[in-house]
Protein backbone atom coordinates (compact mmCIF):
# COMPACT_ATOMS: atom_id res chain seq x y z
CA MET A 1 52.39 -24.44 -120.54
CA ALA A 2 55.17 -22.67 -118.91
CA LYS A 3 57.51 -21.30 -120.81
CA THR A 4 60.92 -23.46 -120.04
CA LEU A 5 64.32 -22.18 -118.75
CA GLU A 6 65.17 -22.09 -122.69
CA GLU A 7 62.38 -20.28 -123.96
CA ARG A 8 62.27 -17.59 -120.43
CA GLY A 9 66.05 -17.24 -120.75
CA TYR A 10 66.52 -16.71 -117.30
CA PRO A 11 66.67 -18.91 -114.36
CA ILE A 12 63.84 -19.12 -110.88
CA ILE A 13 64.70 -19.33 -107.07
CA ASP A 14 61.80 -20.09 -105.44
CA VAL A 15 62.26 -18.79 -101.62
CA HIS A 16 59.41 -20.64 -100.01
CA GLY A 17 58.62 -24.43 -100.71
CA HIS A 18 58.08 -28.20 -99.28
CA GLN A 19 60.10 -30.13 -102.05
CA GLY A 20 61.24 -31.90 -98.70
CA ASN A 21 57.49 -33.50 -99.45
CA LEU A 22 58.85 -36.77 -101.45
CA ARG A 23 57.07 -40.08 -102.00
CA ILE A 24 60.67 -41.83 -102.48
CA LEU A 25 64.96 -40.48 -101.88
CA ASN A 26 66.60 -41.71 -104.73
CA ASP A 27 68.37 -43.86 -102.45
CA GLY A 28 65.08 -45.58 -102.35
CA SER A 29 63.73 -45.13 -98.85
CA PRO A 30 60.80 -43.46 -98.18
CA GLY A 31 60.38 -39.50 -97.60
CA GLN A 32 58.77 -38.35 -95.07
CA LEU A 33 55.09 -35.43 -94.30
CA PRO A 34 55.61 -32.57 -91.70
CA PRO A 35 53.92 -32.68 -88.24
CA VAL A 36 50.20 -32.21 -89.62
CA LYS A 37 49.66 -35.11 -90.80
CA LYS A 38 45.83 -35.66 -90.00
CA GLN A 39 45.31 -31.80 -91.86
CA GLN A 40 47.01 -32.36 -94.74
CA ILE A 41 45.11 -35.63 -95.17
CA ALA A 42 41.98 -32.91 -95.04
CA LEU A 43 44.08 -30.86 -97.16
CA GLU A 44 43.81 -32.80 -100.18
CA LYS A 45 40.95 -33.47 -99.41
CA TYR A 46 39.52 -29.91 -99.71
CA PHE A 47 42.30 -29.12 -102.69
CA ARG A 48 41.82 -31.93 -104.78
CA HIS A 49 38.13 -33.39 -102.67
CA LYS A 50 39.89 -36.97 -102.38
CA GLU A 51 39.91 -39.23 -99.01
CA LEU A 52 43.17 -40.66 -98.20
CA THR A 53 45.08 -42.57 -95.95
CA GLU A 54 48.52 -41.30 -94.29
CA GLU A 55 50.32 -44.32 -97.20
CA GLU A 56 48.26 -42.45 -100.00
CA LEU A 57 49.01 -39.24 -99.36
CA LEU A 58 52.64 -39.83 -99.31
CA ASN A 59 52.29 -41.62 -102.44
CA THR A 60 50.65 -38.64 -104.40
CA LEU A 61 54.27 -36.93 -103.77
CA PRO A 62 56.83 -37.30 -106.20
CA SER A 63 59.80 -38.58 -106.19
CA GLU A 64 62.67 -37.15 -105.63
CA ASP A 65 64.63 -37.85 -108.88
CA GLU A 66 61.35 -36.58 -110.87
CA MET A 67 60.91 -33.09 -108.86
CA VAL A 68 65.01 -32.87 -109.95
CA SER A 69 64.25 -33.13 -112.96
CA LEU A 70 61.62 -31.10 -113.19
CA PHE A 71 63.29 -28.25 -112.15
CA LYS A 72 66.10 -28.13 -113.96
CA GLU A 73 63.61 -28.47 -116.89
CA TYR A 74 62.40 -25.12 -116.11
CA GLY A 75 65.34 -23.57 -115.01
CA VAL A 76 64.53 -23.43 -111.08
CA HIS A 77 66.37 -23.62 -107.94
CA ALA A 78 65.00 -23.67 -104.36
CA CYS A 79 64.98 -23.52 -100.41
CA PRO A 80 63.22 -26.49 -99.54
CA ALA A 81 61.90 -25.56 -95.57
CA ALA A 82 62.01 -28.16 -93.05
CA TRP A 83 59.12 -27.85 -90.76
CA THR A 84 58.77 -29.49 -87.00
CA ALA A 85 55.08 -29.49 -83.66
CA PRO A 86 56.55 -31.32 -81.48
CA VAL A 87 54.60 -30.10 -77.81
CA ALA A 88 52.00 -29.06 -80.17
CA GLN A 89 52.01 -31.48 -82.87
CA GLY A 90 53.68 -34.26 -81.38
CA ASP A 91 55.46 -35.10 -84.05
CA LEU A 92 58.71 -34.18 -84.75
CA GLY A 93 57.54 -33.82 -89.28
CA GLN A 94 60.95 -33.12 -91.46
CA SER A 95 64.16 -32.39 -89.63
CA ASN A 96 66.46 -30.18 -90.24
CA ASP A 97 68.55 -33.04 -91.68
CA TYR A 98 66.72 -34.19 -93.51
CA ILE A 99 66.42 -30.96 -95.05
CA TYR A 100 70.00 -30.59 -95.22
CA ASP A 101 70.91 -34.63 -96.80
CA LEU A 102 68.37 -33.26 -99.39
CA ILE A 103 69.85 -30.73 -100.04
CA LYS A 104 73.33 -31.14 -100.58
CA ARG A 105 72.64 -34.52 -102.43
CA HIS A 106 71.88 -31.65 -105.22
CA PRO A 107 73.63 -28.22 -105.35
CA ASP A 108 73.24 -27.52 -108.38
CA ILE A 109 69.51 -26.94 -107.78
CA PHE A 110 69.42 -25.39 -104.40
CA LEU A 111 70.89 -22.40 -103.22
CA GLY A 112 70.48 -23.72 -99.21
CA TYR A 113 67.50 -24.52 -96.89
CA TRP A 114 64.62 -22.84 -93.99
CA ALA A 115 65.92 -24.52 -90.19
CA CYS A 116 62.93 -24.71 -88.30
CA VAL A 117 62.37 -25.45 -84.52
CA ASP A 118 59.65 -25.61 -82.49
CA PRO A 119 59.98 -22.38 -79.92
CA TRP A 120 58.68 -23.99 -77.12
CA MET A 121 61.49 -26.61 -76.77
CA GLY A 122 63.51 -23.60 -74.91
CA GLU A 123 67.22 -24.53 -74.92
CA MET A 124 67.08 -27.20 -77.17
CA ALA A 125 65.39 -24.94 -79.56
CA LEU A 126 68.27 -22.59 -78.51
CA ARG A 127 70.51 -25.61 -79.77
CA GLU A 128 69.54 -26.73 -82.40
CA THR A 129 68.93 -23.03 -84.14
CA GLU A 130 72.32 -22.41 -83.38
CA ARG A 131 73.39 -25.73 -84.68
CA VAL A 132 72.11 -25.34 -88.24
CA LEU A 133 72.84 -21.82 -88.88
CA ARG A 134 76.70 -22.47 -87.41
CA ASP A 135 77.50 -25.95 -88.89
CA HIS A 136 74.40 -25.76 -91.65
CA LYS A 137 75.25 -22.80 -93.34
CA ALA A 138 70.93 -22.72 -92.73
CA LEU A 139 69.22 -19.14 -94.74
CA GLY A 140 67.70 -18.75 -91.87
CA ILE A 141 64.59 -20.68 -89.27
CA LYS A 142 60.73 -20.71 -90.67
CA PHE A 143 58.16 -21.44 -88.49
CA GLN A 144 54.34 -21.82 -89.15
CA GLN A 145 52.94 -20.62 -85.71
CA PRO A 146 49.21 -21.97 -86.20
CA SER A 147 50.73 -25.45 -86.59
CA GLN A 148 53.16 -24.56 -83.34
CA HIS A 149 50.60 -22.42 -81.23
CA PHE A 150 52.77 -19.50 -80.40
CA HIS A 151 53.20 -15.81 -80.90
CA LEU A 152 56.32 -14.01 -83.04
CA SER A 153 55.97 -11.04 -80.42
CA ASP A 154 55.87 -13.78 -77.18
CA ARG A 155 58.76 -11.99 -74.97
CA ARG A 156 59.79 -15.56 -73.26
CA PHE A 157 61.48 -16.25 -77.63
CA TYR A 158 62.78 -13.01 -77.68
CA PRO A 159 66.14 -14.94 -77.04
CA LEU A 160 66.00 -17.15 -80.04
CA TRP A 161 65.76 -14.19 -82.28
CA ASP A 162 68.55 -12.36 -80.72
CA LEU A 163 70.50 -15.64 -81.90
CA ILE A 164 68.87 -15.81 -84.94
CA ALA A 165 69.96 -11.94 -85.94
CA SER A 166 73.44 -12.31 -84.57
CA TYR A 167 74.27 -15.45 -87.07
CA ASN A 168 72.89 -12.54 -89.84
CA GLY A 169 70.00 -15.23 -90.31
CA PHE A 170 66.05 -14.35 -91.86
CA ILE A 171 63.00 -15.73 -90.21
CA GLN A 172 60.10 -16.87 -92.80
CA TRP A 173 57.12 -16.30 -90.36
CA HIS A 174 53.68 -17.25 -91.83
CA GLY A 175 50.91 -14.65 -92.40
CA GLY A 176 47.64 -14.78 -92.38
CA TYR A 177 45.61 -17.41 -93.54
CA THR A 178 46.48 -21.36 -93.48
CA GLY A 179 44.75 -24.46 -95.32
CA VAL A 180 46.01 -26.81 -92.69
CA GLY A 181 43.15 -28.08 -90.93
CA THR A 182 40.16 -27.01 -93.55
CA GLY A 183 37.17 -28.12 -92.98
CA MET A 184 37.85 -29.88 -90.47
CA PRO A 185 35.80 -29.88 -87.01
CA GLY A 186 37.58 -27.04 -85.12
CA GLY A 187 40.06 -26.27 -87.75
CA GLY A 188 41.75 -29.88 -86.59
CA GLY A 189 43.55 -27.84 -84.21
CA ILE A 190 44.70 -25.69 -85.72
CA LYS A 191 44.06 -20.81 -84.95
CA VAL A 192 44.63 -20.04 -88.40
CA LEU A 193 44.25 -15.89 -87.31
CA GLU A 194 45.52 -16.52 -84.13
CA TYR A 195 49.45 -16.37 -83.96
CA THR A 196 48.58 -14.91 -87.78
CA ASN A 197 48.78 -10.99 -87.36
CA PRO A 198 51.45 -9.00 -88.78
CA VAL A 199 51.29 -7.02 -86.15
CA ASP A 200 53.57 -8.92 -84.48
CA VAL A 201 56.16 -9.04 -86.74
CA ASP A 202 55.85 -5.06 -86.94
CA ASN A 203 56.82 -5.04 -83.09
CA VAL A 204 59.25 -7.63 -83.52
CA ALA A 205 61.31 -6.00 -86.52
CA ALA A 206 60.88 -2.70 -84.20
CA GLU A 207 63.04 -3.96 -81.67
CA PHE A 208 65.32 -6.11 -83.69
CA PRO A 209 66.26 -4.18 -86.08
CA LYS A 210 69.26 -6.64 -87.48
CA LEU A 211 67.10 -9.70 -87.96
CA ARG A 212 65.76 -9.85 -91.38
CA ILE A 213 62.20 -11.13 -91.30
CA ILE A 214 59.90 -11.97 -94.63
CA ILE A 215 56.34 -12.21 -94.14
CA MET A 216 54.99 -15.41 -96.21
CA HIS A 217 51.92 -16.12 -97.73
CA MET A 218 49.38 -13.35 -99.46
CA CYS A 219 48.77 -12.67 -95.68
CA ASP A 220 44.74 -12.82 -95.79
CA PRO A 221 42.73 -11.14 -93.56
CA PHE A 222 45.80 -8.87 -93.03
CA THR A 223 47.28 -8.49 -96.46
CA GLU A 224 47.48 -4.04 -95.78
CA ALA A 225 48.94 -4.86 -93.44
CA ALA A 226 51.65 -7.00 -94.21
CA GLU A 227 52.27 -4.94 -96.80
CA LEU A 228 52.10 -1.94 -94.29
CA VAL A 229 54.66 -3.52 -92.27
CA CYS A 230 57.34 -4.64 -95.27
CA MET A 231 57.04 -0.67 -96.28
CA HIS A 232 58.29 0.70 -92.49
CA LYS A 233 60.48 -1.72 -91.56
CA GLY A 234 63.19 -1.85 -93.94
CA ASN A 235 64.25 -5.53 -92.63
CA VAL A 236 61.17 -7.24 -93.49
CA TYR A 237 60.57 -8.53 -96.93
CA ARG A 238 57.66 -10.36 -98.81
CA GLU A 239 57.04 -13.34 -101.11
CA THR A 240 53.89 -15.20 -102.80
CA SER A 241 53.52 -18.65 -101.33
CA GLY A 242 50.48 -20.12 -99.88
CA ALA A 243 48.08 -18.86 -103.52
CA LEU A 244 46.76 -19.87 -106.86
CA PRO A 245 48.35 -16.29 -108.18
CA ARG A 246 44.81 -16.17 -110.16
CA TYR A 247 43.74 -15.48 -106.90
CA PHE A 248 46.54 -13.16 -105.27
CA PRO A 249 44.51 -10.21 -103.95
CA GLU A 250 44.68 -6.39 -106.24
CA ARG A 251 46.32 -4.94 -103.17
CA VAL A 252 49.36 -7.04 -103.44
CA VAL A 253 49.76 -7.02 -107.13
CA HIS A 254 49.62 -3.68 -107.20
CA ASP A 255 52.50 -3.93 -104.58
CA ILE A 256 55.09 -6.18 -106.61
CA ASN A 257 54.54 -3.91 -109.64
CA THR A 258 54.93 -0.72 -107.52
CA ARG A 259 55.84 0.39 -103.84
CA LEU A 260 57.21 -3.44 -102.44
CA ARG A 261 58.71 -3.87 -106.06
CA GLN A 262 61.99 -4.67 -104.49
CA LYS A 263 61.06 -6.30 -102.01
CA PHE A 264 58.91 -8.77 -103.02
CA MET A 265 60.57 -12.86 -104.19
CA PHE A 266 58.65 -15.44 -105.73
CA GLY A 267 57.79 -18.26 -103.81
CA SER A 268 55.92 -21.54 -104.79
CA GLU A 269 54.28 -23.29 -101.95
CA TYR A 270 55.63 -26.60 -103.81
CA PRO A 271 54.43 -29.78 -104.21
CA TYR A 272 51.35 -27.97 -102.82
CA PHE A 273 50.73 -26.33 -105.70
CA ARG A 274 51.77 -27.69 -109.11
CA LEU A 275 54.89 -26.00 -110.35
CA VAL A 276 54.45 -25.94 -113.69
CA GLU A 277 50.40 -25.85 -114.23
CA ASP A 278 49.61 -23.94 -111.09
CA ILE A 279 52.04 -21.25 -110.27
CA LEU A 280 54.88 -20.45 -113.26
CA ASP A 281 51.55 -20.91 -116.14
CA GLY A 282 49.25 -18.44 -112.99
CA HIS A 283 51.99 -15.98 -112.89
CA GLU A 284 52.43 -16.44 -117.25
CA LYS A 285 49.45 -15.41 -117.84
CA ASP A 286 46.86 -14.49 -115.02
CA ILE A 287 49.06 -11.23 -113.33
CA LYS A 288 49.71 -8.40 -115.57
CA TYR A 289 53.71 -7.23 -114.72
CA ARG A 290 54.72 -4.19 -115.83
CA GLU A 291 57.72 -4.13 -117.19
CA GLY A 292 60.78 -5.64 -115.70
CA ILE A 293 58.97 -6.53 -112.59
CA MET A 294 58.32 -10.22 -113.61
CA GLU A 295 62.17 -10.88 -113.35
CA MET A 296 62.58 -9.01 -110.50
CA LEU A 297 60.37 -11.16 -108.28
CA MET A 298 61.45 -14.32 -110.10
CA TYR A 299 65.31 -13.87 -109.19
CA LYS A 300 66.28 -10.43 -108.74
CA ASN A 301 65.05 -9.72 -105.39
CA ALA A 302 65.81 -12.32 -103.99
CA LEU A 303 69.83 -12.18 -104.86
CA ASN A 304 69.11 -8.34 -103.04
CA ILE A 305 67.78 -9.48 -100.60
CA LEU A 306 69.12 -13.49 -100.04
CA GLY A 307 71.95 -12.93 -101.19
CA ASP A 308 74.68 -12.76 -98.43
CA ARG A 309 72.97 -16.28 -96.95
CA PHE A 310 73.27 -18.26 -100.29
CA GLU A 311 76.82 -17.17 -100.12
CA ASN A 312 77.28 -18.13 -96.67
CA ALA A 313 75.43 -21.85 -97.62
CA GLY A 314 77.91 -22.39 -100.69
CA ALA A 315 76.29 -21.69 -103.34
CA ASP A 316 78.34 -20.29 -106.31
CA LEU A 317 76.68 -17.16 -107.19
CA SER A 318 79.14 -15.82 -110.19
CA PRO A 319 76.77 -17.37 -112.85
CA TRP A 320 73.42 -15.13 -111.42
CA LYS A 321 75.60 -12.30 -111.46
CA GLY A 322 75.72 -11.24 -115.45
CA LEU A 323 71.66 -11.05 -114.83
CA LEU A 324 71.46 -8.06 -112.46
């Protein structure tokens, strides 16, 4: 079993998870699911071989209180992501206000949040982006291009990237394979490779040098391309969510330990994966890290890369500064 905070001796920063996926909130109201409910039901079948209704799927999730208790025990501080795709999926999903309200209830657990907008909403997307960056002090904007159906390098969306850069915000960009739609006829309408090639990031990072971009997940089958774009572009970073540690590609493990050791950050994909049994335990047992690398991955790099955004969001980083 993974070490608790007390056993480990240092806290963890989780830069990507879906902590808004909750069965019930602490005021008794029901939680929300992302905008790919049919695909999520199929994903549950893929992960755990269970056929569930939407209501049954919601009931498999932790409550807000259960999640907070778990994160405190294991010393995990998180950055939840909103997720919306009204144009391509016809579903608003988890709104920015829903996630923002969640993080405001637990400032001791959350360091900020990733807002989400649908680029196809045009002026509405621009207004919402400015609102969350200005008023919510969001860390940046998270995109899930396979479900939203867009290319980052589509010039129609360049005003959006310019706006995010003007607020010193980040983009979280979904790299490579997604489990969403797995096993469904036609993958549930999800084009798993069309929108997830890091060549899009390479192009946009070159044209927007002040825009900081995090390539999420293992980025399979574009893993090496993702690592090279991250190495080449000073404004591009990586994180580890979306796969169990025992399935990390050899290239990813090598780069975490060597050439990208200052650019990789820990991400969990909670609650799609169990935080303790699947993720933390896997990092401790299934990957061989060089001396000092695990601490860099688990919190130091996030503080160095995202620290200005955490402070902008109102997080108190004074307890962390003695750990750097």
